């Protein structure tokens, strides 16, 4: 299964938390990295966070630093996005994506570096 599968979206009040999960083939490979992206209506898609298998390389969108945490469970082929202190502006469809073949590269939030995309999961932040 090359296409990632996301889960964990939903409705949360401002200040609340959600954890998104993602799984797909080749997750446990040093040749690829995994990213989370989001797209809100009327906005361009933006990279939120990315991580390599080792976890040594991690990148975050500036607006989520200190609130979101990306992590991996390599034993179970999962990547998580823990989202805390959610704001209404975090509301979007969140996508998990697997990079192109990139051995030796740090992960990046540039969407053209990603080859396989999940269907997305909706995150709504509203009181």
PDB file of N, CA and C in Angstrom:
ATOM      1  N   UNK A   1       0.853  -1.188   0.000  1.00  0.00           N
ATOM      2  CA  UNK A   1       0.000   0.000   0.000  1.00  0.00           C
ATOM      3  C   UNK A   1       0.890   1.240   0.000  1.00  0.00           C
ATOM      4  N   UNK A   2       0.952   1.917  -1.140  1.00  0.00           N
ATOM      5  CA  UNK A   2       1.806   3.089  -1.238  1.00  0.00           C
ATOM      6  C   UNK A   2       1.142   4.345  -0.708  1.00  0.00           C
ATOM      7  N   UNK A   3      -0.180   4.404  -0.803  1.00  0.00           N
ATOM      8  CA  UNK A   3      -0.869   5.605  -0.368  1.00  0.00           C
ATOM      9  C   UNK A   3      -0.994   5.605   1.150  1.00  0.00           C
ATOM     10  N   UNK A   4      -0.531   6.672   1.793  1.00  0.00           N
ATOM     11  CA  UNK A   4      -0.693   6.751   3.245  1.00  0.00           C
ATOM     12  C   UNK A   4      -2.172   6.809   3.629  1.00  0.00           C
ATOM     13  N   UNK A   5      -2.449   6.384   4.847  1.00  0.00           N
ATOM     14  CA  UNK A   5      -3.808   6.437   5.385  1.00  0.00           C
ATOM     15  C   UNK A   5      -3.765   7.188   6.704  1.00  0.00           C
ATOM     16  N   UNK A   6      -4.543   8.273   6.786  1.00  0.00           N
ATOM     17  CA  UNK A   6      -4.584   9.092   7.994  1.00  0.00           C
ATOM     18  C   UNK A   6      -5.816   8.726   8.825  1.00  0.00           C
ATOM     19  N   UNK A   7      -5.724   9.025  10.104  1.00  0.00           N
ATOM     20  CA  UNK A   7      -6.877   8.898  10.992  1.00  0.00           C
ATOM     21  C   UNK A   7      -6.688   9.859  12.160  1.00  0.00           C
ATOM     22  N   UNK A   8      -7.775  10.119  12.878  1.00  0.00           N
ATOM     23  CA  UNK A   8      -7.676  10.895  14.099  1.00  0.00           C
ATOM     24  C   UNK A   8      -8.216  12.304  14.040  1.00  0.00           C
ATOM     25  N   UNK A   9      -8.709  12.732  12.908  1.00  0.00           N
ATOM     26  CA  UNK A   9      -9.276  14.067  12.832  1.00  0.00           C
ATOM     27  C   UNK A   9     -10.596  14.146  13.579  1.00  0.00           C
ATOM     28  N   UNK A  10     -11.116  15.376  13.679  1.00  0.00           N
ATOM     29  CA  UNK A  10     -12.394  15.552  14.351  1.00  0.00           C
ATOM     30  C   UNK A  10     -12.617  16.992  14.750  1.00  0.00           C
ATOM     31  N   UNK A  11     -13.597  17.166  15.617  1.00  0.00           N
ATOM     32  CA  UNK A  11     -13.963  18.490  16.112  1.00  0.00           C
ATOM     33  C   UNK A  11     -13.395  18.672  17.511  1.00  0.00           C
ATOM     34  N   UNK A  12     -12.749  19.800  17.727  1.00  0.00           N
ATOM     35  CA  UNK A  12     -12.168  20.089  19.029  1.00  0.00           C
ATOM     36  C   UNK A  12     -12.353  21.566  19.326  1.00  0.00           C
ATOM     37  N   UNK A  13     -12.482  21.899  20.594  1.00  0.00           N
ATOM     38  CA  UNK A  13     -12.609  23.293  20.984  1.00  0.00           C
ATOM     39  C   UNK A  13     -11.249  23.991  20.963  1.00  0.00           C
ATOM     40  N   UNK A  14     -11.231  25.294  20.785  1.00  0.00           N
ATOM     41  CA  UNK A  14      -9.959  26.024  20.870  1.00  0.00           C
ATOM     42  C   UNK A  14      -9.253  25.721  22.185  1.00  0.00           C
ATOM     43  N   UNK A  15      -7.960  25.498  22.083  1.00  0.00           N
ATOM     44  CA  UNK A  15      -7.177  25.129  23.251  1.00  0.00           C
ATOM     45  C   UNK A  15      -7.087  23.637  23.472  1.00  0.00           C
ATOM     46  N   UNK A  16      -7.865  22.870  22.729  1.00  0.00           N
ATOM     47  CA  UNK A  16      -7.871  21.429  22.883  1.00  0.00           C
ATOM     48  C   UNK A  16      -6.769  20.745  22.109  1.00  0.00           C
ATOM     49  N   UNK A  17      -6.792  19.410  22.140  1.00  0.00           N
ATOM     50  CA  UNK A  17      -5.751  18.602  21.504  1.00  0.00           C
ATOM     51  C   UNK A  17      -6.359  17.508  20.648  1.00  0.00           C
ATOM     52  N   UNK A  18      -5.614  17.122  19.638  1.00  0.00           N
ATOM     53  CA  UNK A  18      -5.943  15.970  18.805  1.00  0.00           C
ATOM     54  C   UNK A  18      -4.639  15.290  18.432  1.00  0.00           C
ATOM     55  N   UNK A  19      -4.721  14.000  18.178  1.00  0.00           N
ATOM     56  CA  UNK A  19      -3.565  13.278  17.657  1.00  0.00           C
ATOM     57  C   UNK A  19      -3.953  12.607  16.350  1.00  0.00           C
ATOM     58  N   UNK A  20      -3.227  12.942  15.321  1.00  0.00           N
ATOM     59  CA  UNK A  20      -3.419  12.314  14.023  1.00  0.00           C
ATOM     60  C   UNK A  20      -2.422  11.175  13.864  1.00  0.00           C
ATOM     61  N   UNK A  21      -2.855  10.126  13.161  1.00  0.00           N
ATOM     62  CA  UNK A  21      -1.995   8.979  12.889  1.00  0.00           C
ATOM     63  C   UNK A  21      -1.913   8.751  11.394  1.00  0.00           C
ATOM     64  N   UNK A  22      -0.814   8.165  10.969  1.00  0.00           N
ATOM     65  CA  UNK A  22      -0.614   7.900   9.542  1.00  0.00           C
ATOM     66  C   UNK A  22       0.191   6.622   9.389  1.00  0.00           C
ATOM     67  N   UNK A  23      -0.193   5.798   8.423  1.00  0.00           N
ATOM     68  CA  UNK A  23       0.573   4.607   8.123  1.00  0.00           C
ATOM     69  C   UNK A  23       0.616   4.396   6.623  1.00  0.00           C
ATOM     70  N   UNK A  24       1.663   3.770   6.137  1.00  0.00           N
ATOM     71  CA  UNK A  24       1.808   3.438   4.715  1.00  0.00           C
ATOM     72  C   UNK A  24       3.033   2.551   4.551  1.00  0.00           C
ATOM     73  N   UNK A  25       3.197   2.035   3.354  1.00  0.00           N
ATOM     74  CA  UNK A  25       4.359   1.187   3.083  1.00  0.00           C
ATOM     75  C   UNK A  25       5.619   2.045   3.032  1.00  0.00           C
ATOM     76  N   UNK A  26       6.736   1.422   3.219  1.00  0.00           N
ATOM     77  CA  UNK A  26       8.056   2.065   3.135  1.00  0.00           C
ATOM     78  C   UNK A  26       8.286   3.091   4.239  1.00  0.00           C
ATOM     79  N   UNK A  27       7.451   3.091   5.241  1.00  0.00           N
ATOM     80  CA  UNK A  27       7.679   4.038   6.320  1.00  0.00           C
ATOM     81  C   UNK A  27       8.992   3.756   7.020  1.00  0.00           C
ATOM     82  N   UNK A  28       9.296   2.478   7.176  1.00  0.00           N
ATOM     83  CA  UNK A  28      10.497   2.110   7.912  1.00  0.00           C
ATOM     84  C   UNK A  28      11.685   1.965   6.976  1.00  0.00           C
ATOM     85  N   UNK A  29      11.924   3.004   6.217  1.00  0.00           N
ATOM     86  CA  UNK A  29      13.034   3.000   5.276  1.00  0.00           C
ATOM     87  C   UNK A  29      13.805   4.298   5.432  1.00  0.00           C
ATOM     88  N   UNK A  30      15.118   4.184   5.295  1.00  0.00           N
ATOM     89  CA  UNK A  30      15.949   5.380   5.370  1.00  0.00           C
ATOM     90  C   UNK A  30      15.903   6.196   4.080  1.00  0.00           C
ATOM     91  N   UNK A  31      15.218   5.701   3.063  1.00  0.00           N
ATOM     92  CA  UNK A  31      15.228   6.384   1.771  1.00  0.00           C
ATOM     93  C   UNK A  31      14.086   7.382   1.616  1.00  0.00           C
ATOM     94  N   UNK A  32      13.185   7.385   2.584  1.00  0.00           N
ATOM     95  CA  UNK A  32      12.024   8.263   2.486  1.00  0.00           C
ATOM     96  C   UNK A  32      11.817   9.008   3.794  1.00  0.00           C
ATOM     97  N   UNK A  33      11.078  10.079   3.737  1.00  0.00           N
ATOM     98  CA  UNK A  33      10.634  10.737   4.958  1.00  0.00           C
ATOM     99  C   UNK A  33       9.139  11.017   4.841  1.00  0.00           C
ATOM    100  N   UNK A  34       8.539  11.320   5.961  1.00  0.00           N
ATOM    101  CA  UNK A  34       7.088  11.482   6.059  1.00  0.00           C
ATOM    102  C   UNK A  34       6.766  12.912   6.467  1.00  0.00           C
ATOM    103  N   UNK A  35       5.753  13.475   5.844  1.00  0.00           N
ATOM    104  CA  UNK A  35       5.342  14.829   6.173  1.00  0.00           C
ATOM    105  C   UNK A  35       3.861  14.920   6.430  1.00  0.00           C
ATOM    106  N   UNK A  36       3.498  15.899   7.237  1.00  0.00           N
ATOM    107  CA  UNK A  36       2.103  16.281   7.433  1.00  0.00           C
ATOM    108  C   UNK A  36       1.895  17.647   6.789  1.00  0.00           C
ATOM    109  N   UNK A  37       0.811  17.753   6.033  1.00  0.00           N
ATOM    110  CA  UNK A  37       0.441  18.992   5.368  1.00  0.00           C
ATOM    111  C   UNK A  37      -1.000  19.325   5.730  1.00  0.00           C
ATOM    112  N   UNK A  38      -1.396  20.548   5.471  1.00  0.00           N
ATOM    113  CA  UNK A  38      -2.789  20.914   5.701  1.00  0.00           C
ATOM    114  C   UNK A  38      -3.232  21.927   4.656  1.00  0.00           C
ATOM    115  N   UNK A  39      -4.530  21.907   4.418  1.00  0.00           N
ATOM    116  CA  UNK A  39      -5.101  22.864   3.483  1.00  0.00           C
ATOM    117  C   UNK A  39      -6.474  23.279   3.986  1.00  0.00           C
ATOM    118  N   UNK A  40      -6.630  24.561   4.207  1.00  0.00           N
ATOM    119  CA  UNK A  40      -7.910  25.127   4.601  1.00  0.00           C
ATOM    120  C   UNK A  40      -8.579  25.721   3.368  1.00  0.00           C
ATOM    121  N   UNK A  41      -9.896  25.837   3.366  1.00  0.00           N
ATOM    122  CA  UNK A  41     -10.610  26.412   2.214  1.00  0.00           C
ATOM    123  C   UNK A  41     -10.074  27.797   1.869  1.00  0.00           C
ATOM    124  N   UNK A  42      -9.764  27.985   0.587  1.00  0.00           N
ATOM    125  CA  UNK A  42      -9.270  29.277   0.134  1.00  0.00           C
ATOM    126  C   UNK A  42      -7.810  29.532   0.418  1.00  0.00           C
ATOM    127  N   UNK A  43      -7.118  28.535   0.947  1.00  0.00           N
ATOM    128  CA  UNK A  43      -5.702  28.675   1.261  1.00  0.00           C
ATOM    129  C   UNK A  43      -4.895  27.641   0.492  1.00  0.00           C
ATOM    130  N   UNK A  44      -3.615  27.957   0.292  1.00  0.00           N
ATOM    131  CA  UNK A  44      -2.743  26.993  -0.344  1.00  0.00           C
ATOM    132  C   UNK A  44      -2.360  25.926   0.673  1.00  0.00           C
ATOM    133  N   UNK A  45      -1.984  24.773   0.159  1.00  0.00           N
ATOM    134  CA  UNK A  45      -1.524  23.708   1.039  1.00  0.00           C
ATOM    135  C   UNK A  45      -0.187  24.102   1.651  1.00  0.00           C
ATOM    136  N   UNK A  46      -0.027  23.825   2.930  1.00  0.00           N
ATOM    137  CA  UNK A  46       1.224  24.165   3.603  1.00  0.00           C
ATOM    138  C   UNK A  46       1.746  22.972   4.400  1.00  0.00           C
ATOM    139  N   UNK A  47       3.059  22.883   4.425  1.00  0.00           N
ATOM    140  CA  UNK A  47       3.691  21.833   5.209  1.00  0.00           C
ATOM    141  C   UNK A  47       3.660  22.169   6.676  1.00  0.00           C
ATOM    142  N   UNK A  48       3.304  21.192   7.491  1.00  0.00           N
ATOM    143  CA  UNK A  48       3.172  21.396   8.928  1.00  0.00           C
ATOM    144  C   UNK A  48       4.362  20.815   9.683  1.00  0.00           C
ATOM    145  N   UNK A  49       4.729  19.588   9.350  1.00  0.00           N
ATOM    146  CA  UNK A  49       5.836  18.931  10.041  1.00  0.00           C
ATOM    147  C   UNK A  49       6.327  17.763   9.201  1.00  0.00           C
ATOM    148  N   UNK A  50       7.594  17.408   9.382  1.00  0.00           N
ATOM    149  CA  UNK A  50       8.129  16.237   8.688  1.00  0.00           C
ATOM    150  C   UNK A  50       9.149  15.552   9.569  1.00  0.00           C
ATOM    151  N   UNK A  51       9.411  14.276   9.247  1.00  0.00           N
ATOM    152  CA  UNK A  51      10.310  13.488  10.078  1.00  0.00           C
ATOM    153  C   UNK A  51      10.923  12.370   9.254  1.00  0.00           C
ATOM    154  N   UNK A  52      12.189  12.070   9.551  1.00  0.00           N
ATOM    155  CA  UNK A  52      12.833  10.922   8.927  1.00  0.00           C
ATOM    156  C   UNK A  52      12.694   9.718   9.850  1.00  0.00           C
ATOM    157  N   UNK A  53      13.058   8.562   9.314  1.00  0.00           N
ATOM    158  CA  UNK A  53      12.908   7.325  10.076  1.00  0.00           C
ATOM    159  C   UNK A  53      13.619   7.417  11.423  1.00  0.00           C
ATOM    160  N   UNK A  54      14.832   7.932  11.404  1.00  0.00           N
ATOM    161  CA  UNK A  54      15.616   7.992  12.635  1.00  0.00           C
ATOM    162  C   UNK A  54      15.035   8.977  13.643  1.00  0.00           C
ATOM    163  N   UNK A  55      14.226   9.916  13.168  1.00  0.00           N
ATOM    164  CA  UNK A  55      13.709  10.953  14.046  1.00  0.00           C
ATOM    165  C   UNK A  55      14.672  12.091  14.278  1.00  0.00           C
ATOM    166  N   UNK A  56      15.889  11.970  13.703  1.00  0.00           N
ATOM    167  CA  UNK A  56      16.889  13.013  13.950  1.00  0.00           C
ATOM    168  C   UNK A  56      16.573  14.301  13.212  1.00  0.00           C
ATOM    169  N   UNK A  57      15.951  14.159  12.043  1.00  0.00           N
ATOM    170  CA  UNK A  57      15.607  15.358  11.277  1.00  0.00           C
ATOM    171  C   UNK A  57      14.123  15.603  11.398  1.00  0.00           C
ATOM    172  N   UNK A  58      13.770  16.742  11.948  1.00  0.00           N
ATOM    173  CA  UNK A  58      12.381  17.133  12.104  1.00  0.00           C
ATOM    174  C   UNK A  58      12.273  18.606  11.733  1.00  0.00           C
ATOM    175  N   UNK A  59      11.219  18.933  11.025  1.00  0.00           N
ATOM    176  CA  UNK A  59      10.950  20.322  10.661  1.00  0.00           C
ATOM    177  C   UNK A  59       9.526  20.661  11.062  1.00  0.00           C
ATOM    178  N   UNK A  60       9.276  21.909  11.423  1.00  0.00           N
ATOM    179  CA  UNK A  60       7.936  22.374  11.750  1.00  0.00           C
ATOM    180  C   UNK A  60       7.657  23.704  11.067  1.00  0.00           C
ATOM    181  N   UNK A  61       6.405  23.886  10.709  1.00  0.00           N
ATOM    182  CA  UNK A  61       5.917  25.194  10.288  1.00  0.00           C
ATOM    183  C   UNK A  61       6.038  26.135  11.487  1.00  0.00           C
ATOM    184  N   UNK A  62       6.482  27.352  11.250  1.00  0.00           N
ATOM    185  CA  UNK A  62       6.721  28.268  12.368  1.00  0.00           C
ATOM    186  C   UNK A  62       5.491  28.441  13.256  1.00  0.00           C
ATOM    187  N   UNK A  63       4.324  28.496  12.657  1.00  0.00           N
ATOM    188  CA  UNK A  63       3.120  28.790  13.432  1.00  0.00           C
ATOM    189  C   UNK A  63       2.679  27.639  14.337  1.00  0.00           C
ATOM    190  N   UNK A  64       3.278  26.456  14.172  1.00  0.00           N
ATOM    191  CA  UNK A  64       2.891  25.326  15.033  1.00  0.00           C
ATOM    192  C   UNK A  64       4.000  24.929  15.997  1.00  0.00           C
ATOM    193  N   UNK A  65       5.154  25.558  15.889  1.00  0.00           N
ATOM    194  CA  UNK A  65       6.264  25.217  16.782  1.00  0.00           C
ATOM    195  C   UNK A  65       5.862  25.442  18.235  1.00  0.00           C
ATOM    196  N   UNK A  66       6.182  24.454  19.062  1.00  0.00           N
ATOM    197  CA  UNK A  66       5.836  24.531  20.470  1.00  0.00           C
ATOM    198  C   UNK A  66       4.441  24.025  20.783  1.00  0.00           C
ATOM    199  N   UNK A  67       3.637  23.812  19.756  1.00  0.00           N
ATOM    200  CA  UNK A  67       2.277  23.288  19.967  1.00  0.00           C
ATOM    201  C   UNK A  67       2.084  21.908  19.366  1.00  0.00           C
ATOM    202  N   UNK A  68       2.715  21.654  18.237  1.00  0.00           N
ATOM    203  CA  UNK A  68       2.573  20.362  17.547  1.00  0.00           C
ATOM    204  C   UNK A  68       3.847  19.551  17.730  1.00  0.00           C
ATOM    205  N   UNK A  69       3.669  18.235  17.759  1.00  0.00           N
ATOM    206  CA  UNK A  69       4.807  17.332  17.894  1.00  0.00           C
ATOM    207  C   UNK A  69       4.640  16.171  16.925  1.00  0.00           C
ATOM    208  N   UNK A  70       5.637  15.974  16.049  1.00  0.00           N
ATOM    209  CA  UNK A  70       5.619  14.832  15.147  1.00  0.00           C
ATOM    210  C   UNK A  70       6.504  13.741  15.725  1.00  0.00           C
ATOM    211  N   UNK A  71       6.043  12.511  15.626  1.00  0.00           N
ATOM    212  CA  UNK A  71       6.820  11.403  16.165  1.00  0.00           C
ATOM    213  C   UNK A  71       6.538  10.146  15.351  1.00  0.00           C
ATOM    214  N   UNK A  72       7.340   9.115  15.590  1.00  0.00           N
ATOM    215  CA  UNK A  72       7.193   7.868  14.857  1.00  0.00           C
ATOM    216  C   UNK A  72       7.165   6.687  15.812  1.00  0.00           C
ATOM    217  N   UNK A  73       6.445   5.665  15.386  1.00  0.00           N
ATOM    218  CA  UNK A  73       6.481   4.360  16.037  1.00  0.00           C
ATOM    219  C   UNK A  73       6.899   3.385  14.941  1.00  0.00           C
ATOM    220  N   UNK A  74       8.196   3.215  14.787  1.00  0.00           N
ATOM    221  CA  UNK A  74       8.690   2.402  13.674  1.00  0.00           C
ATOM    222  C   UNK A  74       8.265   0.940  13.792  1.00  0.00           C
ATOM    223  N   UNK A  75       8.132   0.455  14.994  1.00  0.00           N
ATOM    224  CA  UNK A  75       7.745  -0.940  15.179  1.00  0.00           C
ATOM    225  C   UNK A  75       6.352  -1.217  14.617  1.00  0.00           C
ATOM    226  N   UNK A  76       5.498  -0.199  14.660  1.00  0.00           N
ATOM    227  CA  UNK A  76       4.130  -0.369  14.181  1.00  0.00           C
ATOM    228  C   UNK A  76       3.837   0.420  12.911  1.00  0.00           C
ATOM    229  N   UNK A  77       4.905   0.934  12.279  1.00  0.00           N
ATOM    230  CA  UNK A  77       4.747   1.606  10.985  1.00  0.00           C
ATOM    231  C   UNK A  77       3.814   2.805  11.049  1.00  0.00           C
ATOM    232  N   UNK A  78       3.934   3.600  12.107  1.00  0.00           N
ATOM    233  CA  UNK A  78       3.042   4.725  12.309  1.00  0.00           C
ATOM    234  C   UNK A  78       3.824   6.023  12.480  1.00  0.00           C
ATOM    235  N   UNK A  79       3.214   7.102  11.999  1.00  0.00           N
ATOM    236  CA  UNK A  79       3.725   8.450  12.270  1.00  0.00           C
ATOM    237  C   UNK A  79       2.579   9.236  12.886  1.00  0.00           C
ATOM    238  N   UNK A  80       2.872   9.970  13.938  1.00  0.00           N
ATOM    239  CA  UNK A  80       1.853  10.720  14.652  1.00  0.00           C
ATOM    240  C   UNK A  80       2.082  12.225  14.518  1.00  0.00           C
ATOM    241  N   UNK A  81       0.983  12.958  14.605  1.00  0.00           N
ATOM    242  CA  UNK A  81       1.062  14.406  14.756  1.00  0.00           C
ATOM    243  C   UNK A  81       0.197  14.771  15.954  1.00  0.00           C
ATOM    244  N   UNK A  82       0.856  15.055  17.062  1.00  0.00           N
ATOM    245  CA  UNK A  82       0.162  15.487  18.272  1.00  0.00           C
ATOM    246  C   UNK A  82      -0.031  16.986  18.188  1.00  0.00           C
ATOM    247  N   UNK A  83      -1.274  17.409  18.241  1.00  0.00           N
ATOM    248  CA  UNK A  83      -1.601  18.831  18.087  1.00  0.00           C
ATOM    249  C   UNK A  83      -2.214  19.335  19.389  1.00  0.00           C
ATOM    250  N   UNK A  84      -1.537  20.256  20.025  1.00  0.00           N
ATOM    251  CA  UNK A  84      -1.984  20.816  21.289  1.00  0.00           C
ATOM    252  C   UNK A  84      -2.282  22.305  21.132  1.00  0.00           C
ATOM    253  N   UNK A  85      -3.002  22.844  22.092  1.00  0.00           N
ATOM    254  CA  UNK A  85      -3.338  24.285  22.080  1.00  0.00           C
ATOM    255  C   UNK A  85      -3.876  24.703  20.717  1.00  0.00           C
ATOM    256  N   UNK A  86      -4.814  23.927  20.211  1.00  0.00           N
ATOM    257  CA  UNK A  86      -5.324  24.182  18.857  1.00  0.00           C
ATOM    258  C   UNK A  86      -6.057  25.516  18.783  1.00  0.00           C
ATOM    259  N   UNK A  87      -5.892  26.157  17.633  1.00  0.00           N
ATOM    260  CA  UNK A  87      -6.507  27.454  17.367  1.00  0.00           C
ATOM    261  C   UNK A  87      -7.460  27.319  16.186  1.00  0.00           C
ATOM    262  N   UNK A  88      -8.419  28.204  16.068  1.00  0.00           N
ATOM    263  CA  UNK A  88      -9.325  28.127  14.907  1.00  0.00           C
ATOM    264  C   UNK A  88      -8.573  28.147  13.581  1.00  0.00           C
ATOM    265  N   UNK A  89      -7.451  28.837  13.526  1.00  0.00           N
ATOM    266  CA  UNK A  89      -6.680  28.892  12.272  1.00  0.00           C
ATOM    267  C   UNK A  89      -5.950  27.591  11.955  1.00  0.00           C
ATOM    268  N   UNK A  90      -5.969  26.628  12.871  1.00  0.00           N
ATOM    269  CA  UNK A  90      -5.408  25.311  12.589  1.00  0.00           C
ATOM    270  C   UNK A  90      -6.404  24.413  11.859  1.00  0.00           C
ATOM    271  N   UNK A  91      -7.645  24.840  11.793  1.00  0.00           N
ATOM    272  CA  UNK A  91      -8.660  24.027  11.136  1.00  0.00           C
ATOM    273  C   UNK A  91      -8.332  23.864   9.652  1.00  0.00           C
ATOM    274  N   UNK A  92      -8.366  22.623   9.187  1.00  0.00           N
ATOM    275  CA  UNK A  92      -8.004  22.312   7.800  1.00  0.00           C
ATOM    276  C   UNK A  92      -8.178  20.818   7.577  1.00  0.00           C
ATOM    277  N   UNK A  93      -8.031  20.421   6.337  1.00  0.00           N
ATOM    278  CA  UNK A  93      -7.849  19.002   6.043  1.00  0.00           C
ATOM    279  C   UNK A  93      -6.354  18.719   6.157  1.00  0.00           C
ATOM    280  N   UNK A  94      -6.017  17.739   6.945  1.00  0.00           N
ATOM    281  CA  UNK A  94      -4.618  17.373   7.177  1.00  0.00           C
ATOM    282  C   UNK A  94      -4.283  16.128   6.362  1.00  0.00           C
ATOM    283  N   UNK A  95      -3.154  16.199   5.688  1.00  0.00           N
ATOM    284  CA  UNK A  95      -2.709  15.114   4.825  1.00  0.00           C
ATOM    285  C   UNK A  95      -1.366  14.578   5.288  1.00  0.00           C
ATOM    286  N   UNK A  96      -1.235  13.287   5.200  1.00  0.00           N
ATOM    287  CA  UNK A  96       0.049  12.630   5.415  1.00  0.00           C
ATOM    288  C   UNK A  96       0.624  12.294   4.042  1.00  0.00           C
ATOM    289  N   UNK A  97       1.915  12.434   3.899  1.00  0.00           N
ATOM    290  CA  UNK A  97       2.540  12.170   2.608  1.00  0.00           C
ATOM    291  C   UNK A  97       3.901  11.513   2.794  1.00  0.00           C
ATOM    292  N   UNK A  98       4.261  10.674   1.815  1.00  0.00           N
ATOM    293  CA  UNK A  98       5.579  10.044   1.810  1.00  0.00           C
ATOM    294  C   UNK A  98       6.421  10.674   0.730  1.00  0.00           C
ATOM    295  N   UNK A  99       7.665  10.912   1.045  1.00  0.00           N
ATOM    296  CA  UNK A  99       8.524  11.634   0.109  1.00  0.00           C
ATOM    297  C   UNK A  99       8.889  10.780  -1.109  1.00  0.00           C
ATOM    298  N   UNK A 100       9.479  11.435  -2.055  1.00  0.00           N
ATOM    299  CA  UNK A 100      10.136  10.747  -3.158  1.00  0.00           C
ATOM    300  C   UNK A 100      11.379  10.052  -2.618  1.00  0.00           C
ATOM    301  N   UNK A 101      12.026   9.267  -3.443  1.00  0.00           N
ATOM    302  CA  UNK A 101      13.227   8.539  -3.061  1.00  0.00           C
ATOM    303  C   UNK A 101      14.325   9.545  -2.755  1.00  0.00           C
ATOM    304  N   UNK A 102      14.662   9.700  -1.489  1.00  0.00           N
ATOM    305  CA  UNK A 102      15.591  10.739  -1.077  1.00  0.00           C
ATOM    306  C   UNK A 102      16.582  10.208  -0.026  1.00  0.00           C
ATOM    307  N   UNK A 103      17.419   9.245  -0.408  1.00  0.00           N
ATOM    308  CA  UNK A 103      18.391   8.746   0.573  1.00  0.00           C
ATOM    309  C   UNK A 103      19.373   9.826   0.981  1.00  0.00           C
ATOM    310  N   UNK A 104      19.612   9.948   2.233  1.00  0.00           N
ATOM    311  CA  UNK A 104      20.602  10.888   2.713  1.00  0.00           C
ATOM    312  C   UNK A 104      20.131  12.319   2.830  1.00  0.00           C
ATOM    313  N   UNK A 105      18.871  12.586   2.494  1.00  0.00           N
ATOM    314  CA  UNK A 105      18.370  13.959   2.547  1.00  0.00           C
ATOM    315  C   UNK A 105      17.647  14.237   3.854  1.00  0.00           C
ATOM    316  N   UNK A 106      17.770  15.459   4.342  1.00  0.00           N
ATOM    317  CA  UNK A 106      16.929  15.888   5.456  1.00  0.00           C
ATOM    318  C   UNK A 106      15.496  16.036   4.963  1.00  0.00           C
ATOM    319  N   UNK A 107      14.550  15.936   5.872  1.00  0.00           N
ATOM    320  CA  UNK A 107      13.169  16.108   5.433  1.00  0.00           C
ATOM    321  C   UNK A 107      12.901  17.588   5.166  1.00  0.00           C
ATOM    322  N   UNK A 108      11.897  17.833   4.358  1.00  0.00           N
ATOM    323  CA  UNK A 108      11.554  19.191   3.951  1.00  0.00           C
ATOM    324  C   UNK A 108      10.044  19.355   3.943  1.00  0.00           C
ATOM    325  N   UNK A 109       9.580  20.578   4.049  1.00  0.00           N
ATOM    326  CA  UNK A 109       8.145  20.857   4.003  1.00  0.00           C
ATOM    327  C   UNK A 109       7.702  21.328   2.615  1.00  0.00           C
ATOM    328  N   UNK A 110       8.551  21.120   1.625  1.00  0.00           N
ATOM    329  CA  UNK A 110       8.206  21.476   0.244  1.00  0.00           C
ATOM    330  C   UNK A 110       7.359  20.361  -0.344  1.00  0.00           C
ATOM    331  N   UNK A 111       6.147  20.666  -0.727  1.00  0.00           N
ATOM    332  CA  UNK A 111       5.225  19.589  -1.113  1.00  0.00           C
ATOM    333  C   UNK A 111       5.633  18.877  -2.399  1.00  0.00           C
ATOM    334  N   UNK A 112       6.415  19.513  -3.267  1.00  0.00           N
ATOM    335  CA  UNK A 112       6.810  18.835  -4.508  1.00  0.00           C
ATOM    336  C   UNK A 112       7.812  17.720  -4.257  1.00  0.00           C
ATOM    337  N   UNK A 113       8.333  17.629  -3.046  1.00  0.00           N
ATOM    338  CA  UNK A 113       9.241  16.536  -2.697  1.00  0.00           C
ATOM    339  C   UNK A 113       8.488  15.288  -2.255  1.00  0.00           C
ATOM    340  N   UNK A 114       7.170  15.349  -2.236  1.00  0.00           N
ATOM    341  CA  UNK A 114       6.374  14.221  -1.767  1.00  0.00           C
ATOM    342  C   UNK A 114       5.660  13.573  -2.940  1.00  0.00           C
ATOM    343  N   UNK A 115       5.614  12.246  -2.895  1.00  0.00           N
ATOM    344  CA  UNK A 115       5.101  11.491  -4.029  1.00  0.00           C
ATOM    345  C   UNK A 115       3.739  10.860  -3.758  1.00  0.00           C
ATOM    346  N   UNK A 116       3.554  10.366  -2.563  1.00  0.00           N
ATOM    347  CA  UNK A 116       2.299   9.670  -2.247  1.00  0.00           C
ATOM    348  C   UNK A 116       1.577  10.412  -1.124  1.00  0.00           C
ATOM    349  N   UNK A 117       0.294  10.619  -1.352  1.00  0.00           N
ATOM    350  CA  UNK A 117      -0.521  11.431  -0.442  1.00  0.00           C
ATOM    351  C   UNK A 117      -1.724  10.639   0.034  1.00  0.00           C
ATOM    352  N   UNK A 118      -2.071  10.850   1.309  1.00  0.00           N
ATOM    353  CA  UNK A 118      -3.283  10.246   1.831  1.00  0.00           C
ATOM    354  C   UNK A 118      -4.507  11.030   1.393  1.00  0.00           C
ATOM    355  N   UNK A 119      -5.664  10.517   1.790  1.00  0.00           N
ATOM    356  CA  UNK A 119      -6.938  11.145   1.413  1.00  0.00           C
ATOM    357  C   UNK A 119      -7.233  12.365   2.274  1.00  0.00           C
ATOM    358  N   UNK A 120      -6.612  12.464   3.408  1.00  0.00           N
ATOM    359  CA  UNK A 120      -6.818  13.599   4.284  1.00  0.00           C
ATOM    360  C   UNK A 120      -7.806  13.298   5.393  1.00  0.00           C
ATOM    361  N   UNK A 121      -7.657  14.028   6.489  1.00  0.00           N
ATOM    362  CA  UNK A 121      -8.582  13.916   7.605  1.00  0.00           C
ATOM    363  C   UNK A 121      -8.912  15.332   8.078  1.00  0.00           C
ATOM    364  N   UNK A 122     -10.187  15.562   8.319  1.00  0.00           N
ATOM    365  CA  UNK A 122     -10.652  16.911   8.656  1.00  0.00           C
ATOM    366  C   UNK A 122     -10.397  17.219  10.126  1.00  0.00           C
ATOM    367  N   UNK A 123      -9.838  18.385  10.374  1.00  0.00           N
ATOM    368  CA  UNK A 123      -9.677  18.902  11.730  1.00  0.00           C
ATOM    369  C   UNK A 123     -10.461  20.206  11.812  1.00  0.00           C
ATOM    370  N   UNK A 124     -11.410  20.241  12.726  1.00  0.00           N
ATOM    371  CA  UNK A 124     -12.239  21.428  12.928  1.00  0.00           C
ATOM    372  C   UNK A 124     -12.004  21.942  14.342  1.00  0.00           C
ATOM    373  N   UNK A 125     -11.696  23.220  14.452  1.00  0.00           N
ATOM    374  CA  UNK A 125     -11.451  23.832  15.759  1.00  0.00           C
ATOM    375  C   UNK A 125     -12.500  24.931  15.945  1.00  0.00           C
ATOM    376  N   UNK A 126     -13.428  24.657  16.821  1.00  0.00           N
ATOM    377  CA  UNK A 126     -14.543  25.583  16.997  1.00  0.00           C
ATOM    378  C   UNK A 126     -15.191  25.369  18.347  1.00  0.00           C
ATOM    379  N   UNK A 127     -15.695  26.462  18.914  1.00  0.00           N
ATOM    380  CA  UNK A 127     -16.421  26.346  20.177  1.00  0.00           C
ATOM    381  C   UNK A 127     -17.915  26.200  19.907  1.00  0.00           C
TER     382      UNK A 127
END
